[in-house]
Amino acid sequence: MEDKESKLEREAKLGFKPQKEVAYNALLPYSDRLDSESTDQFADIKAGLARAVQLRDIKIAVSHWTGQLTKSVSG
């Protein structure tokens, strides 16, 4: 388990307090890259949604990116 100080450092680095932590993620061989991967994935989703709205591509692109967001959040 992480101590309180390292949790606070992680929250400061991420810019938010994670709501749900999967205990087994710490056991993965690439656990040190999970935060950056999820942040990058979220940035891609936000950019895709913004682009879809700008292009007014509601049926296909917005539904694709909201599906990606749903998978990311629930996964």
PDB file of N, CA and C in Angstrom:
ATOM      1  N   MET A   1       0.831  -1.192   0.000  1.00  0.00           N
ATOM      2  CA  MET A   1       0.000   0.000   0.000  1.00  0.00           C
ATOM      3  C   MET A   1       0.873   1.252   0.000  1.00  0.00           C
ATOM      4  N   GLU A   2       0.389   2.258  -0.688  1.00  0.00           N
ATOM      5  CA  GLU A   2       1.091   3.525  -0.717  1.00  0.00           C
ATOM      6  C   GLU A   2       0.864   4.261   0.593  1.00  0.00           C
ATOM      7  N   ASP A   3       1.882   4.989   1.024  1.00  0.00           N
ATOM      8  CA  ASP A   3       1.673   5.789   2.214  1.00  0.00           C
ATOM      9  C   ASP A   3       0.987   7.096   1.819  1.00  0.00           C
ATOM     10  N   LYS A   4       0.549   7.852   2.812  1.00  0.00           N
ATOM     11  CA  LYS A   4      -0.234   9.051   2.578  1.00  0.00           C
ATOM     12  C   LYS A   4       0.547  10.105   1.797  1.00  0.00           C
ATOM     13  N   GLU A   5       1.836  10.227   2.089  1.00  0.00           N
ATOM     14  CA  GLU A   5       2.654  11.234   1.412  1.00  0.00           C
ATOM     15  C   GLU A   5       2.791  10.945  -0.085  1.00  0.00           C
ATOM     16  N   SER A   6       2.994   9.689  -0.446  1.00  0.00           N
ATOM     17  CA  SER A   6       3.126   9.353  -1.861  1.00  0.00           C
ATOM     18  C   SER A   6       1.791   9.515  -2.597  1.00  0.00           C
ATOM     19  N   LYS A   7       0.673   9.277  -1.894  1.00  0.00           N
ATOM     20  CA  LYS A   7      -0.640   9.510  -2.503  1.00  0.00           C
ATOM     21  C   LYS A   7      -0.832  10.995  -2.789  1.00  0.00           C
ATOM     22  N   LEU A   8      -0.404  11.841  -1.854  1.00  0.00           N
ATOM     23  CA  LEU A   8      -0.531  13.279  -2.061  1.00  0.00           C
ATOM     24  C   LEU A   8       0.353  13.750  -3.209  1.00  0.00           C
ATOM     25  N   GLU A   9       1.547  13.185  -3.323  1.00  0.00           N
ATOM     26  CA  GLU A   9       2.437  13.528  -4.433  1.00  0.00           C
ATOM     27  C   GLU A   9       1.813  13.125  -5.765  1.00  0.00           C
ATOM     28  N   ARG A  10       1.232  11.949  -5.796  1.00  0.00           N
ATOM     29  CA  ARG A  10       0.598  11.455  -7.018  1.00  0.00           C
ATOM     30  C   ARG A  10      -0.589  12.324  -7.404  1.00  0.00           C
ATOM     31  N   GLU A  11      -1.404  12.723  -6.416  1.00  0.00           N
ATOM     32  CA  GLU A  11      -2.534  13.599  -6.686  1.00  0.00           C
ATOM     33  C   GLU A  11      -2.065  14.943  -7.232  1.00  0.00           C
ATOM     34  N   ALA A  12      -0.978  15.454  -6.679  1.00  0.00           N
ATOM     35  CA  ALA A  12      -0.444  16.730  -7.158  1.00  0.00           C
ATOM     36  C   ALA A  12       0.067  16.593  -8.590  1.00  0.00           C
ATOM     37  N   LYS A  13       0.702  15.487  -8.892  1.00  0.00           N
ATOM     38  CA  LYS A  13       1.231  15.252 -10.236  1.00  0.00           C
ATOM     39  C   LYS A  13       0.107  15.097 -11.254  1.00  0.00           C
ATOM     40  N   LEU A  14      -0.948  14.365 -10.881  1.00  0.00           N
ATOM     41  CA  LEU A  14      -2.071  14.137 -11.783  1.00  0.00           C
ATOM     42  C   LEU A  14      -2.961  15.373 -11.922  1.00  0.00           C
ATOM     43  N   GLY A  15      -3.056  16.152 -10.862  1.00  0.00           N
ATOM     44  CA  GLY A  15      -3.931  17.318 -10.882  1.00  0.00           C
ATOM     45  C   GLY A  15      -5.336  17.021 -10.384  1.00  0.00           C
ATOM     46  N   PHE A  16      -5.563  15.813  -9.909  1.00  0.00           N
ATOM     47  CA  PHE A  16      -6.866  15.428  -9.368  1.00  0.00           C
ATOM     48  C   PHE A  16      -6.676  14.226  -8.447  1.00  0.00           C
ATOM     49  N   LYS A  17      -7.724  13.940  -7.660  1.00  0.00           N
ATOM     50  CA  LYS A  17      -7.687  12.779  -6.777  1.00  0.00           C
ATOM     51  C   LYS A  17      -8.405  11.620  -7.467  1.00  0.00           C
ATOM     52  N   PRO A  18      -7.696  10.542  -7.771  1.00  0.00           N
ATOM     53  CA  PRO A  18      -8.360   9.403  -8.414  1.00  0.00           C
ATOM     54  C   PRO A  18      -9.476   8.844  -7.524  1.00  0.00           C
ATOM     55  N   GLN A  19     -10.617   8.555  -8.136  1.00  0.00           N
ATOM     56  CA  GLN A  19     -11.753   8.068  -7.369  1.00  0.00           C
ATOM     57  C   GLN A  19     -11.700   6.564  -7.138  1.00  0.00           C
ATOM     58  N   LYS A  20     -11.225   5.843  -8.142  1.00  0.00           N
ATOM     59  CA  LYS A  20     -11.256   4.393  -8.051  1.00  0.00           C
ATOM     60  C   LYS A  20      -9.855   3.856  -8.325  1.00  0.00           C
ATOM     61  N   GLU A  21      -9.347   3.081  -7.426  1.00  0.00           N
ATOM     62  CA  GLU A  21      -8.026   2.479  -7.585  1.00  0.00           C
ATOM     63  C   GLU A  21      -8.182   0.960  -7.663  1.00  0.00           C
ATOM     64  N   VAL A  22      -7.580   0.369  -8.662  1.00  0.00           N
ATOM     65  CA  VAL A  22      -7.571  -1.085  -8.775  1.00  0.00           C
ATOM     66  C   VAL A  22      -6.308  -1.570  -8.070  1.00  0.00           C
ATOM     67  N   ALA A  23      -6.486  -2.329  -7.010  1.00  0.00           N
ATOM     68  CA  ALA A  23      -5.358  -2.741  -6.173  1.00  0.00           C
ATOM     69  C   ALA A  23      -4.319  -3.540  -6.950  1.00  0.00           C
ATOM     70  N   TYR A  24      -4.754  -4.304  -7.933  1.00  0.00           N
ATOM     71  CA  TYR A  24      -3.844  -5.170  -8.670  1.00  0.00           C
ATOM     72  C   TYR A  24      -2.977  -4.427  -9.684  1.00  0.00           C
ATOM     73  N   ASN A  25      -3.334  -3.167  -9.990  1.00  0.00           N
ATOM     74  CA  ASN A  25      -2.517  -2.404 -10.939  1.00  0.00           C
ATOM     75  C   ASN A  25      -1.085  -2.223 -10.448  1.00  0.00           C
ATOM     76  N   ALA A  26      -0.902  -2.140  -9.151  1.00  0.00           N
ATOM     77  CA  ALA A  26       0.437  -1.958  -8.595  1.00  0.00           C
ATOM     78  C   ALA A  26       1.323  -3.180  -8.829  1.00  0.00           C
ATOM     79  N   LEU A  27       0.722  -4.321  -9.107  1.00  0.00           N
ATOM     80  CA  LEU A  27       1.475  -5.547  -9.326  1.00  0.00           C
ATOM     81  C   LEU A  27       1.911  -5.735 -10.786  1.00  0.00           C
ATOM     82  N   LEU A  28       1.394  -4.910 -11.666  1.00  0.00           N
ATOM     83  CA  LEU A  28       1.729  -5.032 -13.081  1.00  0.00           C
ATOM     84  C   LEU A  28       3.170  -4.599 -13.343  1.00  0.00           C
ATOM     85  N   PRO A  29       3.846  -5.217 -14.303  1.00  0.00           N
ATOM     86  CA  PRO A  29       5.237  -4.858 -14.581  1.00  0.00           C
ATOM     87  C   PRO A  29       5.384  -3.446 -15.141  1.00  0.00           C
ATOM     88  N   TYR A  30       4.318  -2.869 -15.669  1.00  0.00           N
ATOM     89  CA  TYR A  30       4.364  -1.525 -16.228  1.00  0.00           C
ATOM     90  C   TYR A  30       3.551  -0.534 -15.391  1.00  0.00           C
ATOM     91  N   SER A  31       3.405  -0.810 -14.104  1.00  0.00           N
ATOM     92  CA  SER A  31       2.566   0.017 -13.240  1.00  0.00           C
ATOM     93  C   SER A  31       3.053   1.462 -13.156  1.00  0.00           C
ATOM     94  N   ASP A  32       4.342   1.676 -13.364  1.00  0.00           N
ATOM     95  CA  ASP A  32       4.864   3.040 -13.293  1.00  0.00           C
ATOM     96  C   ASP A  32       4.411   3.895 -14.483  1.00  0.00           C
ATOM     97  N   ARG A  33       3.910   3.271 -15.539  1.00  0.00           N
ATOM     98  CA  ARG A  33       3.468   4.006 -16.727  1.00  0.00           C
ATOM     99  C   ARG A  33       1.956   4.169 -16.815  1.00  0.00           C
ATOM    100  N   LEU A  34       1.209   3.591 -15.891  1.00  0.00           N
ATOM    101  CA  LEU A  34      -0.253   3.614 -15.985  1.00  0.00           C
ATOM    102  C   LEU A  34      -0.835   5.020 -15.922  1.00  0.00           C
ATOM    103  N   ASP A  35      -0.329   5.855 -15.021  1.00  0.00           N
ATOM    104  CA  ASP A  35      -0.857   7.209 -14.895  1.00  0.00           C
ATOM    105  C   ASP A  35      -0.647   8.012 -16.176  1.00  0.00           C
ATOM    106  N   SER A  36       0.545   7.932 -16.741  1.00  0.00           N
ATOM    107  CA  SER A  36       0.806   8.705 -17.958  1.00  0.00           C
ATOM    108  C   SER A  36       0.004   8.158 -19.136  1.00  0.00           C
ATOM    109  N   GLU A  37      -0.154   6.848 -19.219  1.00  0.00           N
ATOM    110  CA  GLU A  37      -0.947   6.265 -20.301  1.00  0.00           C
ATOM    111  C   GLU A  37      -2.415   6.685 -20.204  1.00  0.00           C
ATOM    112  N   SER A  38      -2.954   6.668 -18.999  1.00  0.00           N
ATOM    113  CA  SER A  38      -4.364   7.045 -18.850  1.00  0.00           C
ATOM    114  C   SER A  38      -4.556   8.539 -19.105  1.00  0.00           C
ATOM    115  N   THR A  39      -3.594   9.359 -18.706  1.00  0.00           N
ATOM    116  CA  THR A  39      -3.673  10.794 -18.972  1.00  0.00           C
ATOM    117  C   THR A  39      -3.591  11.066 -20.471  1.00  0.00           C
ATOM    118  N   ASP A  40      -2.704  10.372 -21.164  1.00  0.00           N
ATOM    119  CA  ASP A  40      -2.586  10.525 -22.615  1.00  0.00           C
ATOM    120  C   ASP A  40      -3.864  10.068 -23.319  1.00  0.00           C
ATOM    121  N   GLN A  41      -4.413   8.961 -22.858  1.00  0.00           N
ATOM    122  CA  GLN A  41      -5.649   8.438 -23.457  1.00  0.00           C
ATOM    123  C   GLN A  41      -6.795   9.429 -23.274  1.00  0.00           C
ATOM    124  N   PHE A  42      -6.895  10.014 -22.083  1.00  0.00           N
ATOM    125  CA  PHE A  42      -7.953  10.983 -21.819  1.00  0.00           C
ATOM    126  C   PHE A  42      -7.769  12.236 -22.683  1.00  0.00           C
ATOM    127  N   ALA A  43      -6.529  12.660 -22.882  1.00  0.00           N
ATOM    128  CA  ALA A  43      -6.255  13.817 -23.746  1.00  0.00           C
ATOM    129  C   ALA A  43      -6.680  13.524 -25.182  1.00  0.00           C
ATOM    130  N   ASP A  44      -6.414  12.318 -25.654  1.00  0.00           N
ATOM    131  CA  ASP A  44      -6.834  11.930 -27.009  1.00  0.00           C
ATOM    132  C   ASP A  44      -8.357  11.940 -27.142  1.00  0.00           C
ATOM    133  N   ILE A  45      -9.033  11.450 -26.123  1.00  0.00           N
ATOM    134  CA  ILE A  45     -10.500  11.419 -26.147  1.00  0.00           C
ATOM    135  C   ILE A  45     -11.059  12.838 -26.162  1.00  0.00           C
ATOM    136  N   LYS A  46     -10.510  13.710 -25.321  1.00  0.00           N
ATOM    137  CA  LYS A  46     -10.981  15.100 -25.301  1.00  0.00           C
ATOM    138  C   LYS A  46     -10.755  15.784 -26.641  1.00  0.00           C
ATOM    139  N   ALA A  47      -9.577  15.570 -27.226  1.00  0.00           N
ATOM    140  CA  ALA A  47      -9.280  16.176 -28.522  1.00  0.00           C
ATOM    141  C   ALA A  47     -10.200  15.631 -29.606  1.00  0.00           C
ATOM    142  N   GLY A  48     -10.461  14.341 -29.583  1.00  0.00           N
ATOM    143  CA  GLY A  48     -11.355  13.730 -30.564  1.00  0.00           C
ATOM    144  C   GLY A  48     -12.778  14.248 -30.443  1.00  0.00           C
ATOM    145  N   LEU A  49     -13.252  14.390 -29.203  1.00  0.00           N
ATOM    146  CA  LEU A  49     -14.592  14.939 -28.993  1.00  0.00           C
ATOM    147  C   LEU A  49     -14.673  16.382 -29.467  1.00  0.00           C
ATOM    148  N   ALA A  50     -13.661  17.172 -29.156  1.00  0.00           N
ATOM    149  CA  ALA A  50     -13.650  18.575 -29.573  1.00  0.00           C
ATOM    150  C   ALA A  50     -13.653  18.673 -31.102  1.00  0.00           C
ATOM    151  N   ARG A  51     -12.838  17.867 -31.742  1.00  0.00           N
ATOM    152  CA  ARG A  51     -12.765  17.868 -33.197  1.00  0.00           C
ATOM    153  C   ARG A  51     -14.110  17.446 -33.808  1.00  0.00           C
ATOM    154  N   ALA A  52     -14.723  16.444 -33.232  1.00  0.00           N
ATOM    155  CA  ALA A  52     -16.011  15.964 -33.741  1.00  0.00           C
ATOM    156  C   ALA A  52     -17.096  17.026 -33.607  1.00  0.00           C
ATOM    157  N   VAL A  53     -17.099  17.738 -32.503  1.00  0.00           N
ATOM    158  CA  VAL A  53     -18.100  18.787 -32.306  1.00  0.00           C
ATOM    159  C   VAL A  53     -17.838  19.945 -33.269  1.00  0.00           C
ATOM    160  N   GLN A  54     -16.573  20.318 -33.443  1.00  0.00           N
ATOM    161  CA  GLN A  54     -16.240  21.395 -34.377  1.00  0.00           C
ATOM    162  C   GLN A  54     -16.674  21.051 -35.798  1.00  0.00           C
ATOM    163  N   LEU A  55     -16.495  19.789 -36.175  1.00  0.00           N
ATOM    164  CA  LEU A  55     -16.874  19.357 -37.517  1.00  0.00           C
ATOM    165  C   LEU A  55     -18.353  19.001 -37.631  1.00  0.00           C
ATOM    166  N   ARG A  56     -19.052  19.060 -36.509  1.00  0.00           N
ATOM    167  CA  ARG A  56     -20.481  18.729 -36.428  1.00  0.00           C
ATOM    168  C   ARG A  56     -20.764  17.313 -36.907  1.00  0.00           C
ATOM    169  N   ASP A  57     -19.840  16.435 -36.567  1.00  0.00           N
ATOM    170  CA  ASP A  57     -19.980  15.020 -36.925  1.00  0.00           C
ATOM    171  C   ASP A  57     -20.540  14.277 -35.710  1.00  0.00           C
ATOM    172  N   ILE A  58     -21.802  14.508 -35.456  1.00  0.00           N
ATOM    173  CA  ILE A  58     -22.422  14.019 -34.226  1.00  0.00           C
ATOM    174  C   ILE A  58     -22.699  12.519 -34.280  1.00  0.00           C
ATOM    175  N   LYS A  59     -23.219  12.040 -35.387  1.00  0.00           N
ATOM    176  CA  LYS A  59     -23.630  10.638 -35.447  1.00  0.00           C
ATOM    177  C   LYS A  59     -22.462   9.670 -35.308  1.00  0.00           C
ATOM    178  N   ILE A  60     -21.409   9.881 -36.062  1.00  0.00           N
ATOM    179  CA  ILE A  60     -20.333   8.891 -36.085  1.00  0.00           C
ATOM    180  C   ILE A  60     -19.223   9.219 -35.097  1.00  0.00           C
ATOM    181  N   ALA A  61     -18.618  10.382 -35.251  1.00  0.00           N
ATOM    182  CA  ALA A  61     -17.425  10.699 -34.454  1.00  0.00           C
ATOM    183  C   ALA A  61     -17.741  10.893 -32.966  1.00  0.00           C
ATOM    184  N   VAL A  62     -18.778  11.650 -32.666  1.00  0.00           N
ATOM    185  CA  VAL A  62     -19.108  11.866 -31.248  1.00  0.00           C
ATOM    186  C   VAL A  62     -19.488  10.556 -30.584  1.00  0.00           C
ATOM    187  N   SER A  63     -20.251   9.722 -31.273  1.00  0.00           N
ATOM    188  CA  SER A  63     -20.617   8.443 -30.670  1.00  0.00           C
ATOM    189  C   SER A  63     -19.380   7.556 -30.479  1.00  0.00           C
ATOM    190  N   HIS A  64     -18.435   7.639 -31.409  1.00  0.00           N
ATOM    191  CA  HIS A  64     -17.182   6.874 -31.255  1.00  0.00           C
ATOM    192  C   HIS A  64     -16.417   7.337 -30.020  1.00  0.00           C
ATOM    193  N   TRP A  65     -16.230   8.654 -29.897  1.00  0.00           N
ATOM    194  CA  TRP A  65     -15.425   9.162 -28.786  1.00  0.00           C
ATOM    195  C   TRP A  65     -16.136   9.047 -27.440  1.00  0.00           C
ATOM    196  N   THR A  66     -17.456   9.139 -27.413  1.00  0.00           N
ATOM    197  CA  THR A  66     -18.156   8.904 -26.140  1.00  0.00           C
ATOM    198  C   THR A  66     -18.064   7.425 -25.756  1.00  0.00           C
ATOM    199  N   GLY A  67     -18.055   6.544 -26.751  1.00  0.00           N
ATOM    200  CA  GLY A  67     -17.830   5.116 -26.466  1.00  0.00           C
ATOM    201  C   GLY A  67     -16.444   4.875 -25.889  1.00  0.00           C
ATOM    202  N   GLN A  68     -15.437   5.545 -26.456  1.00  0.00           N
ATOM    203  CA  GLN A  68     -14.070   5.434 -25.934  1.00  0.00           C
ATOM    204  C   GLN A  68     -14.006   5.956 -24.495  1.00  0.00           C
ATOM    205  N   LEU A  69     -14.687   7.057 -24.234  1.00  0.00           N
ATOM    206  CA  LEU A  69     -14.705   7.619 -22.888  1.00  0.00           C
ATOM    207  C   LEU A  69     -15.382   6.660 -21.912  1.00  0.00           C
ATOM    208  N   THR A  70     -16.478   6.058 -22.323  1.00  0.00           N
ATOM    209  CA  THR A  70     -17.185   5.099 -21.470  1.00  0.00           C
ATOM    210  C   THR A  70     -16.298   3.912 -21.142  1.00  0.00           C
ATOM    211  N   LYS A  71     -15.615   3.383 -22.151  1.00  0.00           N
ATOM    212  CA  LYS A  71     -14.694   2.256 -21.910  1.00  0.00           C
ATOM    213  C   LYS A  71     -13.576   2.642 -20.953  1.00  0.00           C
ATOM    214  N   SER A  72     -13.069   3.846 -21.133  1.00  0.00           N
ATOM    215  CA  SER A  72     -11.956   4.313 -20.305  1.00  0.00           C
ATOM    216  C   SER A  72     -12.369   4.491 -18.844  1.00  0.00           C
ATOM    217  N   VAL A  73     -13.547   5.049 -18.651  1.00  0.00           N
ATOM    218  CA  VAL A  73     -14.003   5.332 -17.290  1.00  0.00           C
ATOM    219  C   VAL A  73     -14.442   4.051 -16.586  1.00  0.00           C
ATOM    220  N   SER A  74     -15.139   3.186 -17.282  1.00  0.00           N
ATOM    221  CA  SER A  74     -15.659   1.980 -16.629  1.00  0.00           C
ATOM    222  C   SER A  74     -14.640   0.852 -16.568  1.00  0.00           C
ATOM    223  N   GLY A  75     -13.593   0.954 -17.369  1.00  0.00           N
ATOM    224  CA  GLY A  75     -12.604  -0.121 -17.447  1.00  0.00           C
ATOM    225  C   GLY A  75     -11.728  -0.138 -16.287  1.00  0.00           C
TER     226      GLY A  75
END
